[in-house]
């Protein structure tokens, strides 16, 4: 086994779940600028996480959408914009086809008038 492969700067760190304010104290090497006063009266580095075992549907058994950054909203907005663009193209194609038919009818009418003279 290689020597000095694993970090040796483990220390007590508090992780706080932003979904439900659940916090837990564990050992980690993660760096943090924030600190928090823990239940034992000591101050520990604080790491804020968007999801943990306390809020993840796999561990809680709940099925819900956790959308911190608005990914679902962005997806729905893109889908709505794509649908609007598709409808606009379809309307433009329909209008173009109607113009083409009207132009063909007009030319046919001119030919018929010219032949009748």
PDB file of N, CA and C in Angstrom:
ATOM      1  N   UNK A   1       0.830  -1.177   0.000  1.00  0.00           N
ATOM      2  CA  UNK A   1       0.000   0.000   0.000  1.00  0.00           C
ATOM      3  C   UNK A   1       0.880   1.248   0.000  1.00  0.00           C
ATOM      4  N   UNK A   2       0.441   2.295  -0.684  1.00  0.00           N
ATOM      5  CA  UNK A   2       1.206   3.534  -0.742  1.00  0.00           C
ATOM      6  C   UNK A   2       1.130   4.270   0.589  1.00  0.00           C
ATOM      7  N   UNK A   3       2.235   4.856   0.964  1.00  0.00           N
ATOM      8  CA  UNK A   3       2.257   5.638   2.196  1.00  0.00           C
ATOM      9  C   UNK A   3       1.816   7.072   1.910  1.00  0.00           C
ATOM     10  N   UNK A   4       1.249   7.723   2.898  1.00  0.00           N
ATOM     11  CA  UNK A   4       0.809   9.120   2.825  1.00  0.00           C
ATOM     12  C   UNK A   4      -0.191   9.369   1.695  1.00  0.00           C
ATOM     13  N   UNK A   5      -1.010   8.373   1.395  1.00  0.00           N
ATOM     14  CA  UNK A   5      -2.011   8.512   0.341  1.00  0.00           C
ATOM     15  C   UNK A   5      -3.265   9.226   0.856  1.00  0.00           C
ATOM     16  N   UNK A   6      -3.646   8.921   2.072  1.00  0.00           N
ATOM     17  CA  UNK A   6      -4.859   9.501   2.631  1.00  0.00           C
ATOM     18  C   UNK A   6      -4.538  10.748   3.463  1.00  0.00           C
ATOM     19  N   UNK A   7      -5.466  11.723   3.493  1.00  0.00           N
ATOM     20  CA  UNK A   7      -5.211  12.935   4.285  1.00  0.00           C
ATOM     21  C   UNK A   7      -5.166  12.607   5.774  1.00  0.00           C
ATOM     22  N   UNK A   8      -4.443  13.424   6.507  1.00  0.00           N
ATOM     23  CA  UNK A   8      -4.346  13.192   7.943  1.00  0.00           C
ATOM     24  C   UNK A   8      -4.809  14.408   8.741  1.00  0.00           C
ATOM     25  N   UNK A   9      -5.521  15.326   8.089  1.00  0.00           N
ATOM     26  CA  UNK A   9      -5.984  16.538   8.766  1.00  0.00           C
ATOM     27  C   UNK A   9      -7.487  16.474   9.071  1.00  0.00           C
ATOM     28  N   UNK A  10      -7.958  15.338   9.560  1.00  0.00           N
ATOM     29  CA  UNK A  10      -9.361  15.212   9.938  1.00  0.00           C
ATOM     30  C   UNK A  10      -9.635  16.020  11.199  1.00  0.00           C
ATOM     31  N   UNK A  11     -10.822  16.644  11.220  1.00  0.00           N
ATOM     32  CA  UNK A  11     -11.237  17.402  12.390  1.00  0.00           C
ATOM     33  C   UNK A  11     -12.757  17.361  12.456  1.00  0.00           C
ATOM     34  N   UNK A  12     -13.323  17.748  13.561  1.00  0.00           N
ATOM     35  CA  UNK A  12     -14.786  17.762  13.718  1.00  0.00           C
ATOM     36  C   UNK A  12     -15.371  18.914  12.910  1.00  0.00           C
ATOM     37  N   UNK A  13     -16.408  18.612  12.129  1.00  0.00           N
ATOM     38  CA  UNK A  13     -17.063  19.591  11.262  1.00  0.00           C
ATOM     39  C   UNK A  13     -18.572  19.398  11.378  1.00  0.00           C
ATOM     40  N   UNK A  14     -19.333  20.497  11.349  1.00  0.00           N
ATOM     41  CA  UNK A  14     -20.792  20.424  11.364  1.00  0.00           C
ATOM     42  C   UNK A  14     -21.294  20.603   9.938  1.00  0.00           C
ATOM     43  N   UNK A  15     -22.124  19.657   9.483  1.00  0.00           N
ATOM     44  CA  UNK A  15     -22.786  19.754   8.187  1.00  0.00           C
ATOM     45  C   UNK A  15     -24.231  20.137   8.437  1.00  0.00           C
ATOM     46  N   UNK A  16     -24.720  21.144   7.712  1.00  0.00           N
ATOM     47  CA  UNK A  16     -26.096  21.619   7.897  1.00  0.00           C
ATOM     48  C   UNK A  16     -26.852  21.461   6.587  1.00  0.00           C
ATOM     49  N   UNK A  17     -27.972  20.738   6.630  1.00  0.00           N
ATOM     50  CA  UNK A  17     -28.831  20.540   5.473  1.00  0.00           C
ATOM     51  C   UNK A  17     -29.714  21.779   5.323  1.00  0.00           C
ATOM     52  N   UNK A  18     -29.661  22.431   4.166  1.00  0.00           N
ATOM     53  CA  UNK A  18     -30.415  23.669   3.959  1.00  0.00           C
ATOM     54  C   UNK A  18     -31.905  23.430   3.742  1.00  0.00           C
ATOM     55  N   UNK A  19     -32.303  22.192   3.405  1.00  0.00           N
ATOM     56  CA  UNK A  19     -33.717  21.906   3.178  1.00  0.00           C
ATOM     57  C   UNK A  19     -34.526  21.877   4.463  1.00  0.00           C
ATOM     58  N   UNK A  20     -33.951  21.320   5.516  1.00  0.00           N
ATOM     59  CA  UNK A  20     -34.728  21.176   6.751  1.00  0.00           C
ATOM     60  C   UNK A  20     -33.949  21.583   7.996  1.00  0.00           C
ATOM     61  N   UNK A  21     -32.845  22.277   7.822  1.00  0.00           N
ATOM     62  CA  UNK A  21     -32.010  22.763   8.927  1.00  0.00           C
ATOM     63  C   UNK A  21     -31.510  21.652   9.849  1.00  0.00           C
ATOM     64  N   UNK A  22     -31.434  20.432   9.351  1.00  0.00           N
ATOM     65  CA  UNK A  22     -30.870  19.335  10.124  1.00  0.00           C
ATOM     66  C   UNK A  22     -29.352  19.480  10.114  1.00  0.00           C
ATOM     67  N   UNK A  23     -28.729  19.367  11.274  1.00  0.00           N
ATOM     68  CA  UNK A  23     -27.277  19.489  11.382  1.00  0.00           C
ATOM     69  C   UNK A  23     -26.716  18.258  12.062  1.00  0.00           C
ATOM     70  N   UNK A  24     -25.519  17.875  11.648  1.00  0.00           N
ATOM     71  CA  UNK A  24     -24.854  16.769  12.312  1.00  0.00           C
ATOM     72  C   UNK A  24     -23.359  17.026  12.367  1.00  0.00           C
ATOM     73  N   UNK A  25     -22.746  16.507  13.406  1.00  0.00           N
ATOM     74  CA  UNK A  25     -21.323  16.687  13.669  1.00  0.00           C
ATOM     75  C   UNK A  25     -20.604  15.405  13.274  1.00  0.00           C
ATOM     76  N   UNK A  26     -19.575  15.553  12.457  1.00  0.00           N
ATOM     77  CA  UNK A  26     -18.787  14.402  12.017  1.00  0.00           C
ATOM     78  C   UNK A  26     -17.365  14.844  11.770  1.00  0.00           C
ATOM     79  N   UNK A  27     -16.522  13.910  11.445  1.00  0.00           N
ATOM     80  CA  UNK A  27     -15.134  14.241  11.131  1.00  0.00           C
ATOM     81  C   UNK A  27     -14.975  14.371   9.632  1.00  0.00           C
ATOM     82  N   UNK A  28     -14.199  15.373   9.201  1.00  0.00           N
ATOM     83  CA  UNK A  28     -14.000  15.607   7.778  1.00  0.00           C
ATOM     84  C   UNK A  28     -12.731  16.418   7.565  1.00  0.00           C
ATOM     85  N   UNK A  29     -12.282  16.451   6.311  1.00  0.00           N
ATOM     86  CA  UNK A  29     -11.125  17.273   5.945  1.00  0.00           C
ATOM     87  C   UNK A  29     -11.555  18.492   5.140  1.00  0.00           C
ATOM     88  N   UNK A  30     -12.856  18.659   4.910  1.00  0.00           N
ATOM     89  CA  UNK A  30     -13.362  19.747   4.080  1.00  0.00           C
ATOM     90  C   UNK A  30     -13.039  21.107   4.719  1.00  0.00           C
ATOM     91  N   UNK A  31     -12.700  22.070   3.855  1.00  0.00           N
ATOM     92  CA  UNK A  31     -12.371  23.414   4.331  1.00  0.00           C
ATOM     93  C   UNK A  31     -13.643  24.260   4.407  1.00  0.00           C
ATOM     94  N   UNK A  32     -13.708  25.148   5.391  1.00  0.00           N
ATOM     95  CA  UNK A  32     -14.871  26.007   5.550  1.00  0.00           C
ATOM     96  C   UNK A  32     -14.462  27.314   6.205  1.00  0.00           C
ATOM     97  N   UNK A  33     -15.095  28.406   5.758  1.00  0.00           N
ATOM     98  CA  UNK A  33     -14.841  29.724   6.346  1.00  0.00           C
ATOM     99  C   UNK A  33     -15.818  30.037   7.473  1.00  0.00           C
ATOM    100  N   UNK A  34     -16.987  29.373   7.453  1.00  0.00           N
ATOM    101  CA  UNK A  34     -18.016  29.640   8.450  1.00  0.00           C
ATOM    102  C   UNK A  34     -17.837  28.735   9.668  1.00  0.00           C
ATOM    103  N   UNK A  35     -18.325  29.203  10.796  1.00  0.00           N
ATOM    104  CA  UNK A  35     -18.309  28.398  12.015  1.00  0.00           C
ATOM    105  C   UNK A  35     -19.679  28.458  12.671  1.00  0.00           C
ATOM    106  N   UNK A  36     -19.928  27.495  13.543  1.00  0.00           N
ATOM    107  CA  UNK A  36     -21.200  27.440  14.248  1.00  0.00           C
ATOM    108  C   UNK A  36     -20.929  26.920  15.662  1.00  0.00           C
ATOM    109  N   UNK A  37     -21.711  27.413  16.603  1.00  0.00           N
ATOM    110  CA  UNK A  37     -21.602  26.940  17.980  1.00  0.00           C
ATOM    111  C   UNK A  37     -22.480  25.697  18.102  1.00  0.00           C
ATOM    112  N   UNK A  38     -21.891  24.583  18.516  1.00  0.00           N
ATOM    113  CA  UNK A  38     -22.599  23.313  18.594  1.00  0.00           C
ATOM    114  C   UNK A  38     -23.209  23.128  19.981  1.00  0.00           C
ATOM    115  N   UNK A  39     -24.011  22.109  20.136  1.00  0.00           N
ATOM    116  CA  UNK A  39     -24.743  21.847  21.374  1.00  0.00           C
ATOM    117  C   UNK A  39     -23.827  21.668  22.591  1.00  0.00           C
ATOM    118  N   UNK A  40     -22.600  21.209  22.367  1.00  0.00           N
ATOM    119  CA  UNK A  40     -21.685  20.991  23.486  1.00  0.00           C
ATOM    120  C   UNK A  40     -20.972  22.275  23.916  1.00  0.00           C
ATOM    121  N   UNK A  41     -21.296  23.398  23.247  1.00  0.00           N
ATOM    122  CA  UNK A  41     -20.726  24.690  23.599  1.00  0.00           C
ATOM    123  C   UNK A  41     -19.469  25.038  22.817  1.00  0.00           C
ATOM    124  N   UNK A  42     -18.931  24.095  22.054  1.00  0.00           N
ATOM    125  CA  UNK A  42     -17.733  24.354  21.251  1.00  0.00           C
ATOM    126  C   UNK A  42     -18.110  24.917  19.890  1.00  0.00           C
ATOM    127  N   UNK A  43     -17.173  25.596  19.265  1.00  0.00           N
ATOM    128  CA  UNK A  43     -17.386  26.168  17.943  1.00  0.00           C
ATOM    129  C   UNK A  43     -16.676  25.292  16.917  1.00  0.00           C
ATOM    130  N   UNK A  44     -17.410  24.912  15.844  1.00  0.00           N
ATOM    131  CA  UNK A  44     -16.886  24.025  14.814  1.00  0.00           C
ATOM    132  C   UNK A  44     -17.053  24.671  13.438  1.00  0.00           C
ATOM    133  N   UNK A  45     -16.240  24.262  12.466  1.00  0.00           N
ATOM    134  CA  UNK A  45     -16.438  24.732  11.086  1.00  0.00           C
ATOM    135  C   UNK A  45     -17.809  24.260  10.583  1.00  0.00           C
ATOM    136  N   UNK A  46     -18.467  25.083   9.779  1.00  0.00           N
ATOM    137  CA  UNK A  46     -19.801  24.775   9.269  1.00  0.00           C
ATOM    138  C   UNK A  46     -19.741  24.611   7.757  1.00  0.00           C
ATOM    139  N   UNK A  47     -20.336  23.518   7.268  1.00  0.00           N
ATOM    140  CA  UNK A  47     -20.457  23.272   5.829  1.00  0.00           C
ATOM    141  C   UNK A  47     -21.941  23.136   5.530  1.00  0.00           C
ATOM    142  N   UNK A  48     -22.459  23.989   4.636  1.00  0.00           N
ATOM    143  CA  UNK A  48     -23.877  23.943   4.275  1.00  0.00           C
ATOM    144  C   UNK A  48     -24.033  23.083   3.027  1.00  0.00           C
ATOM    145  N   UNK A  49     -24.977  22.146   3.067  1.00  0.00           N
ATOM    146  CA  UNK A  49     -25.232  21.247   1.940  1.00  0.00           C
ATOM    147  C   UNK A  49     -26.692  21.377   1.526  1.00  0.00           C
ATOM    148  N   UNK A  50     -26.952  21.175   0.250  1.00  0.00           N
ATOM    149  CA  UNK A  50     -28.322  21.287  -0.261  1.00  0.00           C
ATOM    150  C   UNK A  50     -29.155  20.057   0.061  1.00  0.00           C
ATOM    151  N   UNK A  51     -28.515  18.912   0.165  1.00  0.00           N
ATOM    152  CA  UNK A  51     -29.267  17.685   0.421  1.00  0.00           C
ATOM    153  C   UNK A  51     -28.387  16.739   1.228  1.00  0.00           C
ATOM    154  N   UNK A  52     -28.999  16.058   2.160  1.00  0.00           N
ATOM    155  CA  UNK A  52     -28.287  15.077   2.977  1.00  0.00           C
ATOM    156  C   UNK A  52     -29.213  13.892   3.195  1.00  0.00           C
ATOM    157  N   UNK A  53     -28.785  12.951   4.014  1.00  0.00           N
ATOM    158  CA  UNK A  53     -29.627  11.786   4.289  1.00  0.00           C
ATOM    159  C   UNK A  53     -30.913  12.183   5.009  1.00  0.00           C
ATOM    160  N   UNK A  54     -30.929  13.349   5.631  1.00  0.00           N
ATOM    161  CA  UNK A  54     -32.125  13.803   6.340  1.00  0.00           C
ATOM    162  C   UNK A  54     -33.204  14.328   5.396  1.00  0.00           C
ATOM    163  N   UNK A  55     -32.828  14.695   4.175  1.00  0.00           N
ATOM    164  CA  UNK A  55     -33.824  15.243   3.247  1.00  0.00           C
ATOM    165  C   UNK A  55     -33.889  14.503   1.916  1.00  0.00           C
ATOM    166  N   UNK A  56     -32.976  13.571   1.658  1.00  0.00           N
ATOM    167  CA  UNK A  56     -32.975  12.854   0.383  1.00  0.00           C
ATOM    168  C   UNK A  56     -34.128  11.852   0.353  1.00  0.00           C
ATOM    169  N   UNK A  57     -34.912  11.833  -0.739  1.00  0.00           N
ATOM    170  CA  UNK A  57     -36.074  10.942  -0.818  1.00  0.00           C
ATOM    171  C   UNK A  57     -35.728   9.465  -0.645  1.00  0.00           C
ATOM    172  N   UNK A  58     -34.552   9.042  -1.047  1.00  0.00           N
ATOM    173  CA  UNK A  58     -34.175   7.643  -0.887  1.00  0.00           C
ATOM    174  C   UNK A  58     -34.136   7.252   0.586  1.00  0.00           C
ATOM    175  N   UNK A  59     -33.638   8.131   1.426  1.00  0.00           N
ATOM    176  CA  UNK A  59     -33.516   7.834   2.849  1.00  0.00           C
ATOM    177  C   UNK A  59     -34.786   8.144   3.630  1.00  0.00           C
ATOM    178  N   UNK A  60     -35.548   9.143   3.189  1.00  0.00           N
ATOM    179  CA  UNK A  60     -36.746   9.543   3.933  1.00  0.00           C
ATOM    180  C   UNK A  60     -37.984   8.765   3.515  1.00  0.00           C
ATOM    181  N   UNK A  61     -37.956   8.181   2.309  1.00  0.00           N
ATOM    182  CA  UNK A  61     -39.117   7.460   1.815  1.00  0.00           C
ATOM    183  C   UNK A  61     -40.147   8.368   1.175  1.00  0.00           C
ATOM    184  N   UNK A  62     -39.912   9.667   1.189  1.00  0.00           N
ATOM    185  CA  UNK A  62     -40.826  10.622   0.565  1.00  0.00           C
ATOM    186  C   UNK A  62     -40.428  10.818  -0.885  1.00  0.00           C
ATOM    187  N   UNK A  63     -41.407  11.074  -1.721  1.00  0.00           N
ATOM    188  CA  UNK A  63     -41.102  11.409  -3.095  1.00  0.00           C
ATOM    189  C   UNK A  63     -41.485  12.862  -3.303  1.00  0.00           C
ATOM    190  N   UNK A  64     -40.494  13.698  -3.463  1.00  0.00           N
ATOM    191  CA  UNK A  64     -40.746  15.118  -3.670  1.00  0.00           C
ATOM    192  C   UNK A  64     -39.616  15.669  -4.523  1.00  0.00           C
ATOM    193  N   UNK A  65     -39.869  16.793  -5.122  1.00  0.00           N
ATOM    194  CA  UNK A  65     -38.878  17.426  -5.973  1.00  0.00           C
ATOM    195  C   UNK A  65     -38.135  18.475  -5.159  1.00  0.00           C
ATOM    196  N   UNK A  66     -36.841  18.342  -5.092  1.00  0.00           N
ATOM    197  CA  UNK A  66     -36.001  19.316  -4.414  1.00  0.00           C
ATOM    198  C   UNK A  66     -35.289  20.090  -5.515  1.00  0.00           C
ATOM    199  N   UNK A  67     -35.613  21.341  -5.646  1.00  0.00           N
ATOM    200  CA  UNK A  67     -35.078  22.132  -6.739  1.00  0.00           C
ATOM    201  C   UNK A  67     -34.513  23.430  -6.193  1.00  0.00           C
ATOM    202  N   UNK A  68     -33.259  23.403  -5.827  1.00  0.00           N
ATOM    203  CA  UNK A  68     -32.620  24.573  -5.228  1.00  0.00           C
ATOM    204  C   UNK A  68     -32.272  25.610  -6.290  1.00  0.00           C
ATOM    205  N   UNK A  69     -31.709  25.165  -7.395  1.00  0.00           N
ATOM    206  CA  UNK A  69     -31.222  26.115  -8.398  1.00  0.00           C
ATOM    207  C   UNK A  69     -32.246  26.457  -9.474  1.00  0.00           C
ATOM    208  N   UNK A  70     -33.462  25.947  -9.391  1.00  0.00           N
ATOM    209  CA  UNK A  70     -34.488  26.283 -10.378  1.00  0.00           C
ATOM    210  C   UNK A  70     -34.356  25.502 -11.668  1.00  0.00           C
ATOM    211  N   UNK A  71     -33.769  24.310 -11.617  1.00  0.00           N
ATOM    212  CA  UNK A  71     -33.572  23.530 -12.836  1.00  0.00           C
ATOM    213  C   UNK A  71     -34.888  23.139 -13.466  1.00  0.00           C
ATOM    214  N   UNK A  72     -35.868  22.767 -12.667  1.00  0.00           N
ATOM    215  CA  UNK A  72     -37.161  22.370 -13.206  1.00  0.00           C
ATOM    216  C   UNK A  72     -37.833  23.570 -13.869  1.00  0.00           C
ATOM    217  N   UNK A  73     -37.766  24.736 -13.226  1.00  0.00           N
ATOM    218  CA  UNK A  73     -38.356  25.944 -13.807  1.00  0.00           C
ATOM    219  C   UNK A  73     -37.681  26.303 -15.127  1.00  0.00           C
ATOM    220  N   UNK A  74     -36.367  26.196 -15.177  1.00  0.00           N
ATOM    221  CA  UNK A  74     -35.639  26.493 -16.415  1.00  0.00           C
ATOM    222  C   UNK A  74     -36.045  25.525 -17.516  1.00  0.00           C
ATOM    223  N   UNK A  75     -36.174  24.239 -17.172  1.00  0.00           N
ATOM    224  CA  UNK A  75     -36.578  23.245 -18.156  1.00  0.00           C
ATOM    225  C   UNK A  75     -37.975  23.548 -18.689  1.00  0.00           C
ATOM    226  N   UNK A  76     -38.908  23.863 -17.785  1.00  0.00           N
ATOM    227  CA  UNK A  76     -40.273  24.168 -18.206  1.00  0.00           C
ATOM    228  C   UNK A  76     -40.316  25.418 -19.080  1.00  0.00           C
ATOM    229  N   UNK A  77     -39.503  26.422 -18.761  1.00  0.00           N
ATOM    230  CA  UNK A  77     -39.454  27.647 -19.568  1.00  0.00           C
ATOM    231  C   UNK A  77     -38.916  27.342 -20.956  1.00  0.00           C
ATOM    232  N   UNK A  78     -37.867  26.510 -21.043  1.00  0.00           N
ATOM    233  CA  UNK A  78     -37.313  26.146 -22.351  1.00  0.00           C
ATOM    234  C   UNK A  78     -38.333  25.365 -23.163  1.00  0.00           C
ATOM    235  N   UNK A  79     -39.052  24.446 -22.517  1.00  0.00           N
ATOM    236  CA  UNK A  79     -40.063  23.655 -23.214  1.00  0.00           C
ATOM    237  C   UNK A  79     -41.188  24.551 -23.728  1.00  0.00           C
ATOM    238  N   UNK A  80     -41.591  25.515 -22.914  1.00  0.00           N
ATOM    239  CA  UNK A  80     -42.654  26.445 -23.320  1.00  0.00           C
ATOM    240  C   UNK A  80     -42.187  27.303 -24.503  1.00  0.00           C
ATOM    241  N   UNK A  81     -40.954  27.783 -24.454  1.00  0.00           N
ATOM    242  CA  UNK A  81     -40.406  28.592 -25.548  1.00  0.00           C
ATOM    243  C   UNK A  81     -40.289  27.763 -26.820  1.00  0.00           C
ATOM    244  N   UNK A  82     -39.883  26.502 -26.689  1.00  0.00           N
ATOM    245  CA  UNK A  82     -39.767  25.629 -27.860  1.00  0.00           C
ATOM    246  C   UNK A  82     -41.138  25.381 -28.480  1.00  0.00           C
ATOM    247  N   UNK A  83     -42.148  25.175 -27.656  1.00  0.00           N
ATOM    248  CA  UNK A  83     -43.509  24.966 -28.157  1.00  0.00           C
ATOM    249  C   UNK A  83     -44.021  26.219 -28.876  1.00  0.00           C
ATOM    250  N   UNK A  84     -43.752  27.389 -28.312  1.00  0.00           N
ATOM    251  CA  UNK A  84     -44.174  28.643 -28.950  1.00  0.00           C
ATOM    252  C   UNK A  84     -43.469  28.822 -30.290  1.00  0.00           C
ATOM    253  N   UNK A  85     -42.182  28.514 -30.346  1.00  0.00           N
ATOM    254  CA  UNK A  85     -41.435  28.627 -31.603  1.00  0.00           C
ATOM    255  C   UNK A  85     -41.972  27.638 -32.638  1.00  0.00           C
ATOM    256  N   UNK A  86     -42.301  26.426 -32.190  1.00  0.00           N
ATOM    257  CA  UNK A  86     -42.850  25.411 -33.090  1.00  0.00           C
ATOM    258  C   UNK A  86     -44.189  25.886 -33.662  1.00  0.00           C
ATOM    259  N   UNK A  87     -45.047  26.448 -32.799  1.00  0.00           N
ATOM    260  CA  UNK A  87     -46.345  26.956 -33.264  1.00  0.00           C
ATOM    261  C   UNK A  87     -46.163  28.118 -34.229  1.00  0.00           C
ATOM    262  N   UNK A  88     -45.195  28.981 -33.962  1.00  0.00           N
ATOM    263  CA  UNK A  88     -44.927  30.119 -34.840  1.00  0.00           C
ATOM    264  C   UNK A  88     -44.461  29.639 -36.210  1.00  0.00           C
ATOM    265  N   UNK A  89     -43.571  28.639 -36.233  1.00  0.00           N
ATOM    266  CA  UNK A  89     -43.106  28.094 -37.519  1.00  0.00           C
ATOM    267  C   UNK A  89     -44.245  27.433 -38.277  1.00  0.00           C
ATOM    268  N   UNK A  90     -45.117  26.712 -37.548  1.00  0.00           N
ATOM    269  CA  UNK A  90     -46.256  26.051 -38.198  1.00  0.00           C
ATOM    270  C   UNK A  90     -47.204  27.094 -38.790  1.00  0.00           C
ATOM    271  N   UNK A  91     -47.453  28.170 -38.055  1.00  0.00           N
ATOM    272  CA  UNK A  91     -48.336  29.231 -38.568  1.00  0.00           C
ATOM    273  C   UNK A  91     -47.710  29.898 -39.791  1.00  0.00           C
ATOM    274  N   UNK A  92     -46.408  30.137 -39.747  1.00  0.00           N
ATOM    275  CA  UNK A  92     -45.721  30.756 -40.889  1.00  0.00           C
ATOM    276  C   UNK A  92     -45.767  29.837 -42.103  1.00  0.00           C
ATOM    277  N   UNK A  93     -45.587  28.540 -41.905  1.00  0.00           N
ATOM    278  CA  UNK A  93     -45.643  27.579 -43.008  1.00  0.00           C
ATOM    279  C   UNK A  93     -47.047  27.524 -43.603  1.00  0.00           C
ATOM    280  N   UNK A  94     -48.062  27.572 -42.738  1.00  0.00           N
ATOM    281  CA  UNK A  94     -49.456  27.554 -43.203  1.00  0.00           C
ATOM    282  C   UNK A  94     -49.759  28.810 -44.019  1.00  0.00           C
ATOM    283  N   UNK A  95     -49.284  29.951 -43.528  1.00  0.00           N
ATOM    284  CA  UNK A  95     -49.489  31.218 -44.229  1.00  0.00           C
ATOM    285  C   UNK A  95     -48.778  31.195 -45.581  1.00  0.00           C
ATOM    286  N   UNK A  96     -47.548  30.661 -45.600  1.00  0.00           N
ATOM    287  CA  UNK A  96     -46.774  30.564 -46.844  1.00  0.00           C
ATOM    288  C   UNK A  96     -47.494  29.666 -47.849  1.00  0.00           C
ATOM    289  N   UNK A  97     -48.041  28.557 -47.370  1.00  0.00           N
ATOM    290  CA  UNK A  97     -48.765  27.637 -48.248  1.00  0.00           C
ATOM    291  C   UNK A  97     -50.017  28.315 -48.799  1.00  0.00           C
ATOM    292  N   UNK A  98     -50.716  29.074 -47.970  1.00  0.00           N
ATOM    293  CA  UNK A  98     -51.928  29.778 -48.420  1.00  0.00           C
ATOM    294  C   UNK A  98     -51.566  30.819 -49.480  1.00  0.00           C
ATOM    295  N   UNK A  99     -50.449  31.527 -49.286  1.00  0.00           N
ATOM    296  CA  UNK A  99     -49.996  32.504 -50.290  1.00  0.00           C
ATOM    297  C   UNK A  99     -49.666  31.820 -51.617  1.00  0.00           C
ATOM    298  N   UNK A 100     -49.006  30.673 -51.516  1.00  0.00           N
ATOM    299  CA  UNK A 100     -48.619  29.941 -52.717  1.00  0.00           C
ATOM    300  C   UNK A 100     -49.855  29.492 -53.494  1.00  0.00           C
ATOM    301  N   UNK A 101     -50.861  28.985 -52.768  1.00  0.00           N
ATOM    302  CA  UNK A 101     -52.105  28.552 -53.400  1.00  0.00           C
ATOM    303  C   UNK A 101     -52.810  29.752 -54.044  1.00  0.00           C
ATOM    304  N   UNK A 102     -52.878  30.883 -53.328  1.00  0.00           N
ATOM    305  CA  UNK A 102     -53.534  32.078 -53.864  1.00  0.00           C
ATOM    306  C   UNK A 102     -52.803  32.586 -55.104  1.00  0.00           C
ATOM    307  N   UNK A 103     -51.472  32.545 -55.073  1.00  0.00           N
ATOM    308  CA  UNK A 103     -50.678  32.990 -56.220  1.00  0.00           C
ATOM    309  C   UNK A 103     -50.914  32.071 -57.420  1.00  0.00           C
ATOM    310  N   UNK A 104     -50.976  30.771 -57.171  1.00  0.00           N
ATOM    311  CA  UNK A 104     -51.230  29.812 -58.254  1.00  0.00           C
ATOM    312  C   UNK A 104     -52.617  30.024 -58.841  1.00  0.00           C
ATOM    313  N   UNK A 105     -53.602  30.274 -57.974  1.00  0.00           N
ATOM    314  CA  UNK A 105     -54.970  30.523 -58.449  1.00  0.00           C
ATOM    315  C   UNK A 105     -55.020  31.798 -59.284  1.00  0.00           C
ATOM    316  N   UNK A 106     -54.305  32.825 -58.850  1.00  0.00           N
ATOM    317  CA  UNK A 106     -54.273  34.098 -59.558  1.00  0.00           C
ATOM    318  C   UNK A 106     -53.647  33.913 -60.942  1.00  0.00           C
ATOM    319  N   UNK A 107     -52.532  33.157 -61.007  1.00  0.00           N
ATOM    320  CA  UNK A 107     -51.878  32.911 -62.291  1.00  0.00           C
ATOM    321  C   UNK A 107     -52.777  32.091 -63.202  1.00  0.00           C
ATOM    322  N   UNK A 108     -53.497  31.120 -62.637  1.00  0.00           N
ATOM    323  CA  UNK A 108     -54.422  30.297 -63.420  1.00  0.00           C
ATOM    324  C   UNK A 108     -55.553  31.162 -63.975  1.00  0.00           C
ATOM    325  N   UNK A 109     -56.018  32.093 -63.133  1.00  0.00           N
ATOM    326  CA  UNK A 109     -57.082  33.001 -63.580  1.00  0.00           C
ATOM    327  C   UNK A 109     -56.577  33.883 -64.721  1.00  0.00           C
ATOM    328  N   UNK A 110     -55.325  34.346 -64.650  1.00  0.00           N
ATOM    329  CA  UNK A 110     -54.744  35.172 -65.713  1.00  0.00           C
ATOM    330  C   UNK A 110     -54.632  34.385 -67.008  1.00  0.00           C
ATOM    331  N   UNK A 111     -54.184  33.114 -66.901  1.00  0.00           N
ATOM    332  CA  UNK A 111     -54.058  32.257 -68.073  1.00  0.00           C
ATOM    333  C   UNK A 111     -55.425  32.039 -68.737  1.00  0.00           C
ATOM    334  N   UNK A 112     -56.414  31.779 -67.903  1.00  0.00           N
ATOM    335  CA  UNK A 112     -57.770  31.539 -68.406  1.00  0.00           C
ATOM    336  C   UNK A 112     -58.295  32.795 -69.092  1.00  0.00           C
ATOM    337  N   UNK A 113     -58.052  33.954 -68.504  1.00  0.00           N
ATOM    338  CA  UNK A 113     -58.508  35.225 -69.093  1.00  0.00           C
ATOM    339  C   UNK A 113     -57.787  35.483 -70.392  1.00  0.00           C
ATOM    340  N   UNK A 114     -56.493  35.190 -70.453  1.00  0.00           N
ATOM    341  CA  UNK A 114     -55.696  35.417 -71.662  1.00  0.00           C
ATOM    342  C   UNK A 114     -56.129  34.479 -72.763  1.00  0.00           C
ATOM    343  N   UNK A 115     -56.483  33.248 -72.428  1.00  0.00           N
ATOM    344  CA  UNK A 115     -56.903  32.276 -73.441  1.00  0.00           C
ATOM    345  C   UNK A 115     -58.286  32.604 -73.972  1.00  0.00           C
ATOM    346  N   UNK A 116     -59.130  33.198 -73.159  1.00  0.00           N
ATOM    347  CA  UNK A 116     -60.494  33.533 -73.558  1.00  0.00           C
ATOM    348  C   UNK A 116     -60.530  34.764 -74.469  1.00  0.00           C
ATOM    349  N   UNK A 117     -59.508  35.534 -74.578  1.00  0.00           N
ATOM    350  CA  UNK A 117     -59.515  36.747 -75.401  1.00  0.00           C
ATOM    351  C   UNK A 117     -59.316  36.422 -76.795  1.00  0.00           C
TER     352      UNK A 117
END
